[in-house]
N, C-alpha and C. Protein backbone atom coordinates (compact mmCIF):
# COMPACT_ATOMS: atom_id res chain seq x y z
N MET A 1 44.48 -18.35 -59.17
CA MET A 1 43.02 -17.62 -59.33
C MET A 1 42.29 -18.31 -60.58
N LYS A 2 41.44 -18.97 -60.36
CA LYS A 2 40.69 -19.24 -61.64
C LYS A 2 40.06 -18.20 -62.53
N HIS A 3 39.73 -17.67 -63.68
CA HIS A 3 38.87 -17.03 -64.26
C HIS A 3 38.01 -17.63 -64.97
N LEU A 4 37.91 -19.20 -64.99
CA LEU A 4 36.98 -19.49 -65.76
C LEU A 4 36.11 -21.04 -64.76
N ILE A 5 34.99 -21.17 -64.76
CA ILE A 5 34.29 -22.41 -64.18
C ILE A 5 33.99 -23.48 -65.23
N LYS A 6 34.59 -24.48 -64.79
CA LYS A 6 34.51 -25.32 -66.37
C LYS A 6 32.89 -26.38 -66.05
N ALA A 7 32.13 -26.45 -67.13
CA ALA A 7 31.04 -27.29 -67.04
C ALA A 7 31.19 -28.60 -68.44
N TYR A 8 30.52 -29.45 -68.32
CA TYR A 8 30.20 -29.90 -68.93
C TYR A 8 28.64 -30.46 -69.04
N ILE A 9 28.73 -30.61 -70.43
CA ILE A 9 27.07 -30.79 -70.98
C ILE A 9 27.14 -31.97 -71.69
N SER A 10 26.07 -32.75 -71.52
CA SER A 10 26.04 -34.14 -71.69
C SER A 10 24.36 -34.16 -72.19
N ARG A 11 23.69 -35.43 -73.28
CA ARG A 11 22.26 -35.49 -73.79
C ARG A 11 22.16 -36.29 -72.55
N GLY A 12 21.05 -36.15 -71.89
CA GLY A 12 19.79 -37.51 -71.28
C GLY A 12 19.21 -38.17 -72.04
N GLU A 13 18.06 -38.38 -71.78
CA GLU A 13 17.10 -39.68 -72.30
C GLU A 13 16.14 -37.94 -72.73
N ASP A 14 15.96 -37.45 -71.99
CA ASP A 14 14.99 -36.66 -72.45
C ASP A 14 15.58 -34.95 -72.49
N TYR A 15 16.81 -34.47 -71.72
CA TYR A 15 17.35 -33.34 -71.87
C TYR A 15 18.77 -33.26 -71.67
N TYR A 16 18.97 -32.17 -72.04
CA TYR A 16 20.62 -31.99 -71.60
C TYR A 16 20.60 -31.36 -70.39
N VAL A 17 22.37 -32.12 -69.97
CA VAL A 17 22.57 -32.29 -68.31
C VAL A 17 23.62 -31.25 -68.17
N ALA A 18 23.86 -30.25 -67.59
CA ALA A 18 25.08 -29.47 -67.26
C ALA A 18 25.68 -29.83 -65.81
N GLU A 19 26.69 -30.21 -65.47
CA GLU A 19 27.35 -30.19 -64.18
C GLU A 19 28.66 -29.56 -63.68
N CYS A 20 28.78 -28.17 -63.01
CA CYS A 20 30.22 -28.12 -63.13
C CYS A 20 30.95 -28.57 -62.57
N MET A 21 32.28 -28.06 -62.82
CA MET A 21 33.64 -29.22 -62.35
C MET A 21 33.98 -28.52 -60.92
N ASP A 22 33.53 -27.50 -60.96
CA ASP A 22 34.29 -26.53 -60.04
C ASP A 22 33.88 -26.41 -59.05
N ILE A 23 32.58 -26.09 -59.24
CA ILE A 23 31.51 -25.92 -57.81
C ILE A 23 30.09 -27.39 -58.20
N SER A 24 29.36 -26.90 -56.89
CA SER A 24 28.53 -28.08 -56.71
C SER A 24 27.17 -27.36 -57.59
N VAL A 25 27.26 -27.40 -58.70
CA VAL A 25 26.11 -26.99 -59.69
C VAL A 25 26.05 -28.10 -60.73
N VAL A 26 24.25 -28.22 -60.60
CA VAL A 26 23.75 -29.15 -61.65
C VAL A 26 22.35 -29.36 -62.24
N THR A 27 22.48 -28.65 -63.65
CA THR A 27 20.73 -28.32 -64.25
C THR A 27 21.05 -28.96 -65.48
N GLN A 28 19.42 -28.89 -66.19
CA GLN A 28 19.20 -29.40 -67.04
C GLN A 28 18.22 -28.49 -67.98
N GLY A 29 18.15 -28.90 -69.12
CA GLY A 29 17.19 -28.00 -70.05
C GLY A 29 17.02 -29.05 -71.17
N LYS A 30 15.50 -28.76 -71.80
CA LYS A 30 15.09 -29.65 -72.90
C LYS A 30 16.24 -28.92 -74.24
N THR A 31 16.53 -27.78 -74.28
CA THR A 31 17.39 -27.63 -75.51
C THR A 31 18.84 -27.18 -75.03
N LEU A 32 20.02 -27.26 -75.85
CA LEU A 32 21.25 -26.67 -75.59
C LEU A 32 20.67 -25.31 -75.25
N ASP A 33 20.31 -24.25 -75.31
CA ASP A 33 20.24 -23.14 -75.81
C ASP A 33 19.83 -22.87 -74.00
N GLN A 34 18.53 -23.75 -74.00
CA GLN A 34 17.93 -23.80 -72.40
C GLN A 34 18.46 -24.35 -71.47
N VAL A 35 20.03 -25.16 -71.65
CA VAL A 35 20.76 -25.40 -70.19
C VAL A 35 21.16 -24.76 -70.09
N VAL A 36 22.28 -24.22 -71.28
CA VAL A 36 23.41 -23.36 -71.01
C VAL A 36 22.67 -21.79 -70.15
N GLU A 37 21.52 -21.46 -70.67
CA GLU A 37 20.66 -20.40 -70.01
C GLU A 37 20.61 -20.62 -68.38
N ASN A 38 19.83 -21.87 -68.16
CA ASN A 38 19.76 -22.28 -66.55
C ASN A 38 21.29 -22.80 -65.78
N LEU A 39 22.02 -23.51 -66.58
CA LEU A 39 23.90 -23.11 -66.24
C LEU A 39 23.86 -21.56 -65.23
N ARG A 40 23.95 -20.42 -66.42
CA ARG A 40 24.34 -19.09 -66.37
C ARG A 40 23.54 -18.84 -64.87
N GLU A 41 22.15 -19.21 -64.76
CA GLU A 41 21.41 -18.56 -63.71
C GLU A 41 22.03 -19.46 -62.59
N ALA A 42 22.26 -20.76 -62.55
CA ALA A 42 22.18 -21.48 -61.54
C ALA A 42 23.71 -21.29 -60.82
N VAL A 43 24.49 -21.09 -61.71
CA VAL A 43 26.13 -20.55 -61.21
C VAL A 43 26.05 -18.94 -60.53
N ALA A 44 25.13 -18.33 -61.03
CA ALA A 44 25.21 -16.81 -60.25
C ALA A 44 24.60 -16.95 -59.56
N LEU A 45 23.19 -17.89 -59.07
CA LEU A 45 22.73 -17.91 -57.57
C LEU A 45 23.72 -18.50 -56.56
N HIS A 46 24.65 -19.12 -57.37
CA HIS A 46 25.13 -20.23 -56.45
C HIS A 46 26.33 -19.59 -55.71
N LEU A 47 27.04 -18.67 -56.41
CA LEU A 47 28.03 -17.89 -56.27
C LEU A 47 27.76 -16.51 -55.45
N GLU A 48 25.98 -16.25 -55.22
CA GLU A 48 25.90 -14.71 -54.63
C GLU A 48 26.41 -14.71 -53.69
N GLY A 49 26.71 -14.03 -52.88
CA GLY A 49 27.34 -13.29 -51.70
C GLY A 49 28.18 -14.17 -51.24
N GLU A 50 28.71 -14.81 -52.05
CA GLU A 50 30.60 -15.99 -51.94
C GLU A 50 31.43 -15.10 -52.08
N ASN A 51 32.36 -15.19 -51.33
CA ASN A 51 33.87 -14.62 -51.41
C ASN A 51 34.60 -15.23 -52.59
N LEU A 52 34.49 -15.25 -53.85
CA LEU A 52 34.72 -15.49 -54.82
C LEU A 52 36.62 -15.62 -54.73
N GLU A 53 37.34 -14.54 -54.10
CA GLU A 53 38.77 -14.81 -53.84
C GLU A 53 39.04 -16.41 -52.68
N GLU A 54 37.95 -16.20 -51.95
CA GLU A 54 38.21 -17.34 -50.99
C GLU A 54 37.76 -19.03 -51.54
N MET A 55 37.03 -18.31 -52.83
CA MET A 55 36.88 -20.20 -53.51
C MET A 55 38.36 -20.47 -54.58
N GLY A 56 38.61 -19.38 -54.42
CA GLY A 56 39.82 -19.20 -55.31
C GLY A 56 39.35 -18.86 -56.61
N PHE A 57 38.54 -18.18 -57.52
CA PHE A 57 37.75 -17.36 -58.67
C PHE A 57 38.01 -15.78 -58.82
N ALA A 58 39.05 -15.39 -59.42
CA ALA A 58 39.01 -14.03 -59.67
C ALA A 58 37.41 -13.52 -60.00
N PRO A 59 37.37 -12.08 -59.66
CA PRO A 59 36.24 -11.37 -59.19
C PRO A 59 34.63 -11.77 -60.33
N HIS A 60 35.15 -11.92 -61.60
CA HIS A 60 34.18 -12.42 -62.59
C HIS A 60 34.34 -13.30 -63.48
N PRO A 61 34.47 -14.78 -62.95
CA PRO A 61 34.93 -15.87 -63.81
C PRO A 61 34.03 -16.19 -64.87
N GLY A 62 34.38 -16.64 -65.81
CA GLY A 62 33.14 -16.63 -66.79
C GLY A 62 33.30 -18.33 -66.96
N LEU A 63 32.65 -18.74 -68.02
CA LEU A 63 32.01 -20.25 -68.03
C LEU A 63 32.48 -20.63 -68.98
N LEU A 64 33.36 -22.05 -69.28
CA LEU A 64 33.91 -22.78 -70.57
C LEU A 64 33.03 -24.16 -70.03
N LEU A 65 32.93 -24.30 -71.16
CA LEU A 65 31.73 -25.33 -71.49
C LEU A 65 32.49 -26.60 -72.12
N THR A 66 32.07 -27.63 -72.14
CA THR A 66 32.80 -29.46 -72.82
C THR A 66 30.96 -29.64 -73.03
N ILE A 67 30.85 -29.52 -74.44
CA ILE A 67 29.86 -30.44 -75.13
C ILE A 67 29.61 -31.83 -75.40
N GLU A 68 29.30 -32.44 -75.76
CA GLU A 68 29.57 -34.35 -75.47
C GLU A 68 28.57 -34.26 -76.53
N LEU A 69 28.65 -34.74 -78.11
CA LEU A 69 27.41 -34.43 -79.02
C LEU A 69 27.77 -36.16 -79.68
N GLU A 70 26.51 -36.59 -80.15
CA GLU A 70 26.95 -37.98 -81.19
C GLU A 70 26.74 -37.52 -81.99
N PRO A 71 27.80 -38.70 -82.53
CA PRO A 71 28.26 -38.12 -84.10
C PRO A 71 26.99 -38.34 -85.44
N ILE A 72 26.84 -37.36 -86.43
CA ILE A 72 25.81 -37.84 -87.30
C ILE A 72 26.29 -38.94 -87.89
N ALA A 73 25.25 -39.54 -88.06
CA ALA A 73 25.01 -40.80 -88.94
C ALA A 73 25.47 -40.43 -90.48
N ASN A 74 26.39 -41.96 -90.71
CA ASN A 74 26.64 -41.48 -92.08
C ASN A 74 25.51 -41.79 -92.90
N VAL A 75 24.94 -40.83 -93.94
CA VAL A 75 24.16 -40.73 -94.77
C VAL A 75 24.98 -41.04 -96.34
N ALA A 76 24.43 -42.05 -97.09
CA ALA A 76 24.70 -42.30 -98.83
C ALA A 76 24.06 -41.81 -99.43
């Protein structure tokens, strides 16, 4: 039984993109805060009315986010 839904956030050209690894959810946002909020809403809507146990999830799964960030340029 999974207690976490894994998602990966990466930077696109104009937006951050979040993609769940465990369920079919993809969303975007202009800021990290916005993409995380959009992801929470999208996951909640996707799971609404579903039998989480049949999907292999615990009753209230959390989100585990991996965020891909570019390193800060070396400033002299």
